[in-house]
Amino acid sequence: MAAHSHYEELARQLSAIGAVKREMGRILPQDCPPASAAVLTLLDRHGEMRMSQLAELMAIDMSVTSRHVAHVCERGWIEREPDPADKRSRLLRLTPSGTEVLQELSERYTAALARYLGDWSDDDVGLLNELLARLRTSFGDCRTRAHHDFSTRTPAG
């Protein structure tokens, strides 16, 4: 187990990641804020889905999800079709235009990371990817624990 001071430093570093995320958000097209990019990415990764599933994946309220979906729908990046299994529900699906936007976002993100991390070795970037994936795995599915109170738990428990 790592020393307590290492966990304290990790907490500081993770807090500072917000600045990195904000900087990466600045490279997005003006009409595609980070939440819109997240909607497109999740639909690309998981395929068509209901709004409730999207809200769960994004770990946000349905009303907020609805606003994000409306934004990308207005731009023609996704479509809402009746769910054949339940005509009252709609399935969200990425459009070819949405796929094009995702490709542009990917190119922008990759170029920005290459610019910011240009002085890193391939091994360092690979190690960062490996450690971030390991961190995510250690946390598991945070959405299922979103309402738990961890403040009363000890670091070991």
Protein backbone atom coordinates (compact mmCIF):
# COMPACT_ATOMS: atom_id res chain seq x y z
CA MET A 1 0.00 0.00 0.00
CA ALA A 2 1.30 3.45 -0.89
CA ALA A 3 2.22 5.95 1.81
CA HIS A 4 -0.46 8.38 2.99
CA SER A 5 1.53 11.31 1.56
CA HIS A 6 1.35 9.70 -1.90
CA TYR A 7 -2.44 9.58 -1.67
CA GLU A 8 -2.50 13.23 -0.60
CA GLU A 9 -0.38 14.20 -3.61
CA LEU A 10 -2.56 12.06 -5.89
CA ALA A 11 -5.63 13.90 -4.60
CA ARG A 12 -3.99 17.23 -5.47
CA GLN A 13 -2.99 16.00 -8.92
CA LEU A 14 -6.48 14.67 -9.66
CA SER A 15 -7.99 18.00 -8.61
CA ALA A 16 -5.65 19.76 -11.02
CA ILE A 17 -6.81 17.52 -13.88
CA GLY A 18 -9.85 19.81 -14.12
CA ALA A 19 -7.59 22.46 -15.65
CA VAL A 20 -6.39 19.95 -18.25
CA LYS A 21 -10.00 18.99 -19.08
CA ARG A 22 -10.98 22.66 -19.41
CA GLU A 23 -8.04 23.31 -21.74
CA MET A 24 -8.96 20.29 -23.86
CA GLY A 25 -12.56 21.58 -23.94
CA ARG A 26 -11.32 24.80 -25.52
CA ILE A 27 -10.24 22.95 -28.64
CA LEU A 28 -13.81 21.83 -29.36
CA PRO A 29 -15.82 23.64 -32.04
CA GLN A 30 -17.92 26.43 -30.54
CA ASP A 31 -21.18 24.64 -31.31
CA CYS A 32 -19.98 21.39 -29.68
CA PRO A 33 -19.46 21.84 -25.94
CA PRO A 34 -17.95 18.97 -23.92
CA ALA A 35 -21.35 17.53 -22.96
CA SER A 36 -22.36 17.34 -26.63
CA ALA A 37 -19.09 15.60 -27.42
CA ALA A 38 -19.84 13.14 -24.61
CA VAL A 39 -23.30 12.37 -26.05
CA LEU A 40 -21.81 11.69 -29.48
CA THR A 41 -18.98 9.59 -28.06
CA LEU A 42 -21.31 7.43 -25.96
CA LEU A 43 -23.67 6.82 -28.87
CA ASP A 44 -20.71 5.89 -31.05
CA ARG A 45 -19.28 3.56 -28.42
CA HIS A 46 -22.52 1.89 -27.25
CA GLY A 47 -24.82 2.24 -30.26
CA GLU A 48 -28.41 3.40 -30.23
CA MET A 49 -30.03 3.74 -26.84
CA ARG A 50 -32.84 5.30 -24.89
CA MET A 51 -32.39 8.65 -23.17
CA SER A 52 -32.54 6.95 -19.75
CA GLN A 53 -29.54 4.78 -20.62
CA LEU A 54 -27.63 7.82 -21.89
CA ALA A 55 -28.41 9.69 -18.66
CA GLU A 56 -27.11 6.74 -16.67
CA LEU A 57 -23.92 6.52 -18.72
CA MET A 58 -23.33 10.25 -18.34
CA ALA A 59 -24.25 10.04 -14.62
CA ILE A 60 -26.51 13.09 -14.91
CA ASP A 61 -30.19 13.87 -14.41
CA MET A 62 -32.67 13.16 -17.22
CA SER A 63 -33.57 16.85 -17.58
CA VAL A 64 -29.91 17.75 -18.14
CA THR A 65 -29.51 14.84 -20.56
CA SER A 66 -32.58 16.04 -22.44
CA ARG A 67 -31.01 19.50 -22.96
CA HIS A 68 -27.78 17.95 -24.26
CA VAL A 69 -29.72 15.65 -26.59
CA ALA A 70 -31.81 18.58 -27.88
CA HIS A 71 -28.59 20.49 -28.65
CA VAL A 72 -27.08 17.70 -30.76
CA CYS A 73 -30.44 16.89 -32.40
CA GLU A 74 -30.85 20.51 -33.53
CA ARG A 75 -27.51 20.23 -35.31
CA GLY A 76 -28.46 16.97 -37.01
CA TRP A 77 -25.77 14.95 -35.24
CA ILE A 78 -28.19 12.45 -33.75
CA GLU A 79 -31.73 11.39 -34.49
CA ARG A 80 -34.57 10.27 -32.24
CA GLU A 81 -36.62 7.40 -33.59
CA PRO A 82 -39.55 5.57 -31.98
CA ASP A 83 -38.45 2.48 -30.06
CA PRO A 84 -40.09 -0.53 -31.76
CA ALA A 85 -40.28 -2.28 -28.37
CA ASP A 86 -42.06 0.68 -26.71
CA LYS A 87 -43.64 3.29 -28.96
CA ARG A 88 -43.71 5.80 -26.06
CA SER A 89 -39.91 5.79 -25.92
CA ARG A 90 -37.39 7.00 -28.44
CA LEU A 91 -34.04 5.58 -29.45
CA LEU A 92 -31.14 7.94 -29.94
CA ARG A 93 -28.88 7.21 -32.88
CA LEU A 94 -25.78 8.87 -34.29
CA THR A 95 -26.21 10.29 -37.81
CA PRO A 96 -23.53 10.38 -40.53
CA SER A 97 -23.14 14.08 -39.71
CA GLY A 98 -22.55 13.16 -36.05
CA THR A 99 -19.93 10.64 -37.11
CA GLU A 100 -18.17 13.38 -39.10
CA VAL A 101 -18.21 15.67 -36.05
CA LEU A 102 -16.74 12.87 -33.94
CA GLN A 103 -13.95 12.38 -36.47
CA GLU A 104 -13.15 16.09 -36.32
CA LEU A 105 -13.17 16.01 -32.51
CA SER A 106 -10.83 13.02 -32.51
CA GLU A 107 -8.43 14.79 -34.86
CA ARG A 108 -8.49 17.94 -32.71
CA TYR A 109 -7.94 16.02 -29.46
CA THR A 110 -5.13 13.94 -30.94
CA ALA A 111 -3.39 17.01 -32.36
CA ALA A 112 -3.71 18.88 -29.05
CA LEU A 113 -2.34 15.95 -27.05
CA ALA A 114 0.54 15.58 -29.51
CA ARG A 115 1.28 19.29 -29.11
CA TYR A 116 1.09 19.33 -25.30
CA LEU A 117 2.90 16.02 -24.82
CA GLY A 118 5.32 16.39 -27.71
CA ASP A 119 8.33 16.20 -25.41
CA TRP A 120 7.10 12.95 -23.80
CA SER A 121 8.48 9.62 -24.99
CA ASP A 122 6.19 6.98 -26.49
CA ASP A 123 6.88 4.90 -23.38
CA ASP A 124 5.75 7.74 -21.09
CA VAL A 125 2.51 8.25 -23.02
CA GLY A 126 1.94 4.48 -23.00
CA LEU A 127 2.56 4.35 -19.25
CA LEU A 128 0.14 7.22 -18.65
CA ASN A 129 -2.53 5.39 -20.68
CA GLU A 130 -1.89 2.19 -18.75
CA LEU A 131 -2.03 3.88 -15.35
CA LEU A 132 -5.18 5.88 -16.16
CA ALA A 133 -6.90 2.69 -17.34
CA ARG A 134 -5.81 0.98 -14.13
CA LEU A 135 -7.12 3.90 -12.06
CA ARG A 136 -10.51 3.71 -13.79
CA THR A 137 -10.62 -0.05 -13.21
CA SER A 138 -9.81 0.41 -9.52
CA PHE A 139 -12.75 2.78 -9.17
CA GLY A 140 -15.07 0.46 -11.07
CA ASP A 141 -18.44 1.82 -12.14
CA CYS A 142 -18.60 5.05 -10.15
CA ARG A 143 -22.19 5.70 -11.31
CA THR A 144 -23.50 2.82 -9.20
CA ARG A 145 -21.89 4.29 -6.09
CA ALA A 146 -22.75 7.93 -6.75
CA HIS A 147 -25.15 8.16 -3.82
CA HIS A 148 -23.01 6.36 -1.26
CA ASP A 149 -21.41 8.36 1.51
CA PHE A 150 -17.72 7.55 1.67
CA SER A 151 -16.97 10.21 4.29
CA THR A 152 -17.48 7.75 7.16
CA ARG A 153 -15.23 5.06 5.69
CA THR A 154 -11.61 4.61 6.61
CA PRO A 155 -8.98 4.48 3.84
CA ALA A 156 -8.75 0.70 4.29
CA GLY A 157 -12.49 0.08 4.46
